Amino acid sequence: MKVQVDADRCQGHTLCAMIAPKVFELSEIDGHSSPISEEVPADQQDNVREAVRSCPERAISISE
């Protein structure tokens, strides 16, 4: 699975990083999220799916 964050849509709500802190990192400047790595480890895939569902801006996308 691969994950991406649309920087134009992300508003820095930080929910993704709270749900999947091993996958998402937050900018110290504005709090916007980005994936630590595009490839999601197998043990983090359920957390990433939950982050996708929880993102109010629908800024996170995954591809299987």
PDB file of N, CA and C in Angstrom:
ATOM      1  N   MET A   1       0.837  -1.168   0.000  1.00  0.00           N
ATOM      2  CA  MET A   1       0.000   0.000   0.000  1.00  0.00           C
ATOM      3  C   MET A   1       0.891   1.243   0.000  1.00  0.00           C
ATOM      4  N   LYS A   2       0.438   2.258  -0.745  1.00  0.00           N
ATOM      5  CA  LYS A   2       1.131   3.541  -0.776  1.00  0.00           C
ATOM      6  C   LYS A   2       0.179   4.616  -0.282  1.00  0.00           C
ATOM      7  N   VAL A   3       0.723   5.640   0.347  1.00  0.00           N
ATOM      8  CA  VAL A   3      -0.085   6.732   0.875  1.00  0.00           C
ATOM      9  C   VAL A   3       0.460   8.067   0.390  1.00  0.00           C
ATOM     10  N   GLN A   4      -0.458   8.994   0.134  1.00  0.00           N
ATOM     11  CA  GLN A   4      -0.087  10.342  -0.264  1.00  0.00           C
ATOM     12  C   GLN A   4      -0.973  11.337   0.470  1.00  0.00           C
ATOM     13  N   VAL A   5      -0.439  12.526   0.712  1.00  0.00           N
ATOM     14  CA  VAL A   5      -1.204  13.613   1.303  1.00  0.00           C
ATOM     15  C   VAL A   5      -1.196  14.775   0.318  1.00  0.00           C
ATOM     16  N   ASP A   6      -2.380  15.254  -0.028  1.00  0.00           N
ATOM     17  CA  ASP A   6      -2.513  16.401  -0.918  1.00  0.00           C
ATOM     18  C   ASP A   6      -2.225  17.663  -0.096  1.00  0.00           C
ATOM     19  N   ALA A   7      -1.087  18.272  -0.332  1.00  0.00           N
ATOM     20  CA  ALA A   7      -0.658  19.436   0.447  1.00  0.00           C
ATOM     21  C   ALA A   7      -1.607  20.620   0.288  1.00  0.00           C
ATOM     22  N   ASP A   8      -2.294  20.710  -0.842  1.00  0.00           N
ATOM     23  CA  ASP A   8      -3.229  21.814  -1.055  1.00  0.00           C
ATOM     24  C   ASP A   8      -4.508  21.644  -0.240  1.00  0.00           C
ATOM     25  N   ARG A   9      -4.866  20.411   0.049  1.00  0.00           N
ATOM     26  CA  ARG A   9      -6.102  20.150   0.808  1.00  0.00           C
ATOM     27  C   ARG A   9      -5.864  20.063   2.311  1.00  0.00           C
ATOM     28  N   CYS A  10      -4.677  19.623   2.719  1.00  0.00           N
ATOM     29  CA  CYS A  10      -4.380  19.445   4.141  1.00  0.00           C
ATOM     30  C   CYS A  10      -4.459  20.789   4.863  1.00  0.00           C
ATOM     31  N   GLN A  11      -5.184  20.800   5.974  1.00  0.00           N
ATOM     32  CA  GLN A  11      -5.336  22.019   6.771  1.00  0.00           C
ATOM     33  C   GLN A  11      -4.670  21.902   8.140  1.00  0.00           C
ATOM     34  N   GLY A  12      -3.954  20.801   8.361  1.00  0.00           N
ATOM     35  CA  GLY A  12      -3.204  20.650   9.599  1.00  0.00           C
ATOM     36  C   GLY A  12      -4.041  20.292  10.812  1.00  0.00           C
ATOM     37  N   HIS A  13      -5.095  19.508  10.614  1.00  0.00           N
ATOM     38  CA  HIS A  13      -5.925  19.077  11.743  1.00  0.00           C
ATOM     39  C   HIS A  13      -5.193  18.088  12.653  1.00  0.00           C
ATOM     40  N   THR A  14      -4.174  17.434  12.150  1.00  0.00           N
ATOM     41  CA  THR A  14      -3.269  16.500  12.849  1.00  0.00           C
ATOM     42  C   THR A  14      -3.890  15.154  13.219  1.00  0.00           C
ATOM     43  N   LEU A  15      -5.111  14.884  12.794  1.00  0.00           N
ATOM     44  CA  LEU A  15      -5.746  13.610  13.134  1.00  0.00           C
ATOM     45  C   LEU A  15      -4.959  12.418  12.600  1.00  0.00           C
ATOM     46  N   CYS A  16      -4.433  12.535  11.400  1.00  0.00           N
ATOM     47  CA  CYS A  16      -3.704  11.415  10.794  1.00  0.00           C
ATOM     48  C   CYS A  16      -2.483  11.044  11.633  1.00  0.00           C
ATOM     49  N   ALA A  17      -1.769  12.054  12.096  1.00  0.00           N
ATOM     50  CA  ALA A  17      -0.570  11.797  12.897  1.00  0.00           C
ATOM     51  C   ALA A  17      -0.921  11.237  14.272  1.00  0.00           C
ATOM     52  N   MET A  18      -2.088  11.569  14.785  1.00  0.00           N
ATOM     53  CA  MET A  18      -2.519  10.985  16.057  1.00  0.00           C
ATOM     54  C   MET A  18      -2.918   9.523  15.879  1.00  0.00           C
ATOM     55  N   ILE A  19      -3.525   9.210  14.718  1.00  0.00           N
ATOM     56  CA  ILE A  19      -3.984   7.847  14.451  1.00  0.00           C
ATOM     57  C   ILE A  19      -2.833   6.956  14.007  1.00  0.00           C
ATOM     58  N   ALA A  20      -1.955   7.476  13.181  1.00  0.00           N
ATOM     59  CA  ALA A  20      -0.850   6.683  12.618  1.00  0.00           C
ATOM     60  C   ALA A  20       0.470   7.449  12.737  1.00  0.00           C
ATOM     61  N   PRO A  21       0.982   7.624  13.952  1.00  0.00           N
ATOM     62  CA  PRO A  21       2.197   8.425  14.139  1.00  0.00           C
ATOM     63  C   PRO A  21       3.450   7.820  13.508  1.00  0.00           C
ATOM     64  N   LYS A  22       3.420   6.532  13.193  1.00  0.00           N
ATOM     65  CA  LYS A  22       4.576   5.904  12.545  1.00  0.00           C
ATOM     66  C   LYS A  22       4.576   6.129  11.043  1.00  0.00           C
ATOM     67  N   VAL A  23       3.486   6.692  10.513  1.00  0.00           N
ATOM     68  CA  VAL A  23       3.353   6.873   9.070  1.00  0.00           C
ATOM     69  C   VAL A  23       3.369   8.346   8.669  1.00  0.00           C
ATOM     70  N   PHE A  24       2.774   9.215   9.505  1.00  0.00           N
ATOM     71  CA  PHE A  24       2.656  10.624   9.158  1.00  0.00           C
ATOM     72  C   PHE A  24       3.511  11.494  10.062  1.00  0.00           C
ATOM     73  N   GLU A  25       4.107  12.527   9.454  1.00  0.00           N
ATOM     74  CA  GLU A  25       4.845  13.513  10.228  1.00  0.00           C
ATOM     75  C   GLU A  25       4.220  14.870   9.961  1.00  0.00           C
ATOM     76  N   LEU A  26       4.336  15.762  10.929  1.00  0.00           N
ATOM     77  CA  LEU A  26       3.740  17.083  10.825  1.00  0.00           C
ATOM     78  C   LEU A  26       4.818  18.144  10.662  1.00  0.00           C
ATOM     79  N   SER A  27       4.529  19.124   9.836  1.00  0.00           N
ATOM     80  CA  SER A  27       5.437  20.243   9.638  1.00  0.00           C
ATOM     81  C   SER A  27       5.488  21.077  10.910  1.00  0.00           C
ATOM     82  N   GLU A  28       6.683  21.435  11.336  1.00  0.00           N
ATOM     83  CA  GLU A  28       6.824  22.295  12.508  1.00  0.00           C
ATOM     84  C   GLU A  28       6.392  23.728  12.194  1.00  0.00           C
ATOM     85  N   ILE A  29       6.308  24.064  10.930  1.00  0.00           N
ATOM     86  CA  ILE A  29       5.946  25.423  10.522  1.00  0.00           C
ATOM     87  C   ILE A  29       4.432  25.635  10.569  1.00  0.00           C
ATOM     88  N   ASP A  30       3.681  24.733   9.930  1.00  0.00           N
ATOM     89  CA  ASP A  30       2.239  24.953   9.825  1.00  0.00           C
ATOM     90  C   ASP A  30       1.385  23.763  10.259  1.00  0.00           C
ATOM     91  N   GLY A  31       2.014  22.678  10.698  1.00  0.00           N
ATOM     92  CA  GLY A  31       1.266  21.521  11.164  1.00  0.00           C
ATOM     93  C   GLY A  31       0.720  20.633  10.069  1.00  0.00           C
ATOM     94  N   HIS A  32       1.013  20.955   8.817  1.00  0.00           N
ATOM     95  CA  HIS A  32       0.522  20.121   7.725  1.00  0.00           C
ATOM     96  C   HIS A  32       1.231  18.774   7.722  1.00  0.00           C
ATOM     97  N   SER A  33       0.520  17.782   7.256  1.00  0.00           N
ATOM     98  CA  SER A  33       0.993  16.406   7.297  1.00  0.00           C
ATOM     99  C   SER A  33       1.664  15.985   6.002  1.00  0.00           C
ATOM    100  N   SER A  34       2.576  15.037   6.136  1.00  0.00           N
ATOM    101  CA  SER A  34       3.167  14.362   4.981  1.00  0.00           C
ATOM    102  C   SER A  34       3.545  12.955   5.426  1.00  0.00           C
ATOM    103  N   PRO A  35       3.548  12.016   4.486  1.00  0.00           N
ATOM    104  CA  PRO A  35       3.950  10.665   4.865  1.00  0.00           C
ATOM    105  C   PRO A  35       5.452  10.601   5.120  1.00  0.00           C
ATOM    106  N   ILE A  36       5.845   9.838   6.110  1.00  0.00           N
ATOM    107  CA  ILE A  36       7.267   9.630   6.382  1.00  0.00           C
ATOM    108  C   ILE A  36       7.881   8.872   5.222  1.00  0.00           C
ATOM    109  N   SER A  37       7.128   7.896   4.706  1.00  0.00           N
ATOM    110  CA  SER A  37       7.515   7.130   3.537  1.00  0.00           C
ATOM    111  C   SER A  37       6.256   6.838   2.744  1.00  0.00           C
ATOM    112  N   GLU A  38       6.345   6.843   1.427  1.00  0.00           N
ATOM    113  CA  GLU A  38       5.170   6.555   0.605  1.00  0.00           C
ATOM    114  C   GLU A  38       4.675   5.128   0.831  1.00  0.00           C
ATOM    115  N   GLU A  39       5.600   4.201   1.051  1.00  0.00           N
ATOM    116  CA  GLU A  39       5.237   2.802   1.291  1.00  0.00           C
ATOM    117  C   GLU A  39       4.799   2.626   2.740  1.00  0.00           C
ATOM    118  N   VAL A  40       3.618   2.042   2.939  1.00  0.00           N
ATOM    119  CA  VAL A  40       3.074   1.845   4.283  1.00  0.00           C
ATOM    120  C   VAL A  40       3.431   0.437   4.759  1.00  0.00           C
ATOM    121  N   PRO A  41       4.081   0.307   5.909  1.00  0.00           N
ATOM    122  CA  PRO A  41       4.372  -1.024   6.452  1.00  0.00           C
ATOM    123  C   PRO A  41       3.077  -1.795   6.691  1.00  0.00           C
ATOM    124  N   ALA A  42       3.137  -3.100   6.527  1.00  0.00           N
ATOM    125  CA  ALA A  42       1.947  -3.948   6.663  1.00  0.00           C
ATOM    126  C   ALA A  42       1.256  -3.764   8.010  1.00  0.00           C
ATOM    127  N   ASP A  43       2.028  -3.589   9.067  1.00  0.00           N
ATOM    128  CA  ASP A  43       1.422  -3.469  10.394  1.00  0.00           C
ATOM    129  C   ASP A  43       0.778  -2.105  10.642  1.00  0.00           C
ATOM    130  N   GLN A  44       0.904  -1.172   9.696  1.00  0.00           N
ATOM    131  CA  GLN A  44       0.319   0.163   9.845  1.00  0.00           C
ATOM    132  C   GLN A  44      -0.839   0.432   8.877  1.00  0.00           C
ATOM    133  N   GLN A  45      -1.155  -0.545   8.038  1.00  0.00           N
ATOM    134  CA  GLN A  45      -2.155  -0.316   6.999  1.00  0.00           C
ATOM    135  C   GLN A  45      -3.547  -0.032   7.554  1.00  0.00           C
ATOM    136  N   ASP A  46      -3.964  -0.725   8.602  1.00  0.00           N
ATOM    137  CA  ASP A  46      -5.277  -0.451   9.197  1.00  0.00           C
ATOM    138  C   ASP A  46      -5.325   0.956   9.779  1.00  0.00           C
ATOM    139  N   ASN A  47      -4.235   1.396  10.408  1.00  0.00           N
ATOM    140  CA  ASN A  47      -4.179   2.751  10.956  1.00  0.00           C
ATOM    141  C   ASN A  47      -4.277   3.788   9.847  1.00  0.00           C
ATOM    142  N   VAL A  48      -3.629   3.540   8.727  1.00  0.00           N
ATOM    143  CA  VAL A  48      -3.672   4.488   7.614  1.00  0.00           C
ATOM    144  C   VAL A  48      -5.079   4.554   7.029  1.00  0.00           C
ATOM    145  N   ARG A  49      -5.740   3.416   6.905  1.00  0.00           N
ATOM    146  CA  ARG A  49      -7.129   3.427   6.419  1.00  0.00           C
ATOM    147  C   ARG A  49      -8.022   4.249   7.352  1.00  0.00           C
ATOM    148  N   GLU A  50      -7.808   4.115   8.650  1.00  0.00           N
ATOM    149  CA  GLU A  50      -8.566   4.903   9.624  1.00  0.00           C
ATOM    150  C   GLU A  50      -8.245   6.395   9.475  1.00  0.00           C
ATOM    151  N   ALA A  51      -6.992   6.728   9.230  1.00  0.00           N
ATOM    152  CA  ALA A  51      -6.608   8.128   9.021  1.00  0.00           C
ATOM    153  C   ALA A  51      -7.286   8.698   7.782  1.00  0.00           C
ATOM    154  N   VAL A  52      -7.378   7.909   6.722  1.00  0.00           N
ATOM    155  CA  VAL A  52      -8.067   8.358   5.506  1.00  0.00           C
ATOM    156  C   VAL A  52      -9.521   8.678   5.828  1.00  0.00           C
ATOM    157  N   ARG A  53     -10.185   7.791   6.560  1.00  0.00           N
ATOM    158  CA  ARG A  53     -11.594   8.008   6.918  1.00  0.00           C
ATOM    159  C   ARG A  53     -11.768   9.204   7.854  1.00  0.00           C
ATOM    160  N   SER A  54     -10.783   9.494   8.668  1.00  0.00           N
ATOM    161  CA  SER A  54     -10.892  10.546   9.681  1.00  0.00           C
ATOM    162  C   SER A  54     -10.507  11.935   9.185  1.00  0.00           C
ATOM    163  N   CYS A  55      -9.844  12.027   8.069  1.00  0.00           N
ATOM    164  CA  CYS A  55      -9.379  13.324   7.574  1.00  0.00           C
ATOM    165  C   CYS A  55     -10.567  14.192   7.132  1.00  0.00           C
ATOM    166  N   PRO A  56     -10.811  15.307   7.814  1.00  0.00           N
ATOM    167  CA  PRO A  56     -11.956  16.154   7.457  1.00  0.00           C
ATOM    168  C   PRO A  56     -11.831  16.804   6.083  1.00  0.00           C
ATOM    169  N   GLU A  57     -10.612  16.960   5.595  1.00  0.00           N
ATOM    170  CA  GLU A  57     -10.393  17.605   4.293  1.00  0.00           C
ATOM    171  C   GLU A  57     -10.262  16.597   3.148  1.00  0.00           C
ATOM    172  N   ARG A  58     -10.298  15.305   3.489  1.00  0.00           N
ATOM    173  CA  ARG A  58     -10.108  14.237   2.486  1.00  0.00           C
ATOM    174  C   ARG A  58      -8.812  14.448   1.711  1.00  0.00           C
ATOM    175  N   ALA A  59      -7.754  14.783   2.452  1.00  0.00           N
ATOM    176  CA  ALA A  59      -6.454  15.093   1.847  1.00  0.00           C
ATOM    177  C   ALA A  59      -5.569  13.857   1.675  1.00  0.00           C
ATOM    178  N   ILE A  60      -5.952  12.734   2.287  1.00  0.00           N
ATOM    179  CA  ILE A  60      -5.114  11.532   2.253  1.00  0.00           C
ATOM    180  C   ILE A  60      -5.693  10.541   1.254  1.00  0.00           C
ATOM    181  N   SER A  61      -4.817   9.987   0.417  1.00  0.00           N
ATOM    182  CA  SER A  61      -5.246   8.947  -0.508  1.00  0.00           C
ATOM    183  C   SER A  61      -4.301   7.768  -0.413  1.00  0.00           C
ATOM    184  N   ILE A  62      -4.853   6.586  -0.669  1.00  0.00           N
ATOM    185  CA  ILE A  62      -4.042   5.368  -0.656  1.00  0.00           C
ATOM    186  C   ILE A  62      -4.246   4.619  -1.959  1.00  0.00           C
ATOM    187  N   SER A  63      -3.252   3.856  -2.331  1.00  0.00           N
ATOM    188  CA  SER A  63      -3.357   2.942  -3.469  1.00  0.00           C
ATOM    189  C   SER A  63      -2.840   1.597  -3.000  1.00  0.00           C
ATOM    190  N   GLU A  64      -3.542   0.575  -3.376  1.00  0.00           N
ATOM    191  CA  GLU A  64      -3.218  -0.785  -2.937  1.00  0.00           C
ATOM    192  C   GLU A  64      -2.218  -1.426  -3.869  1.00  0.00           C
TER     193      GLU A  64
END
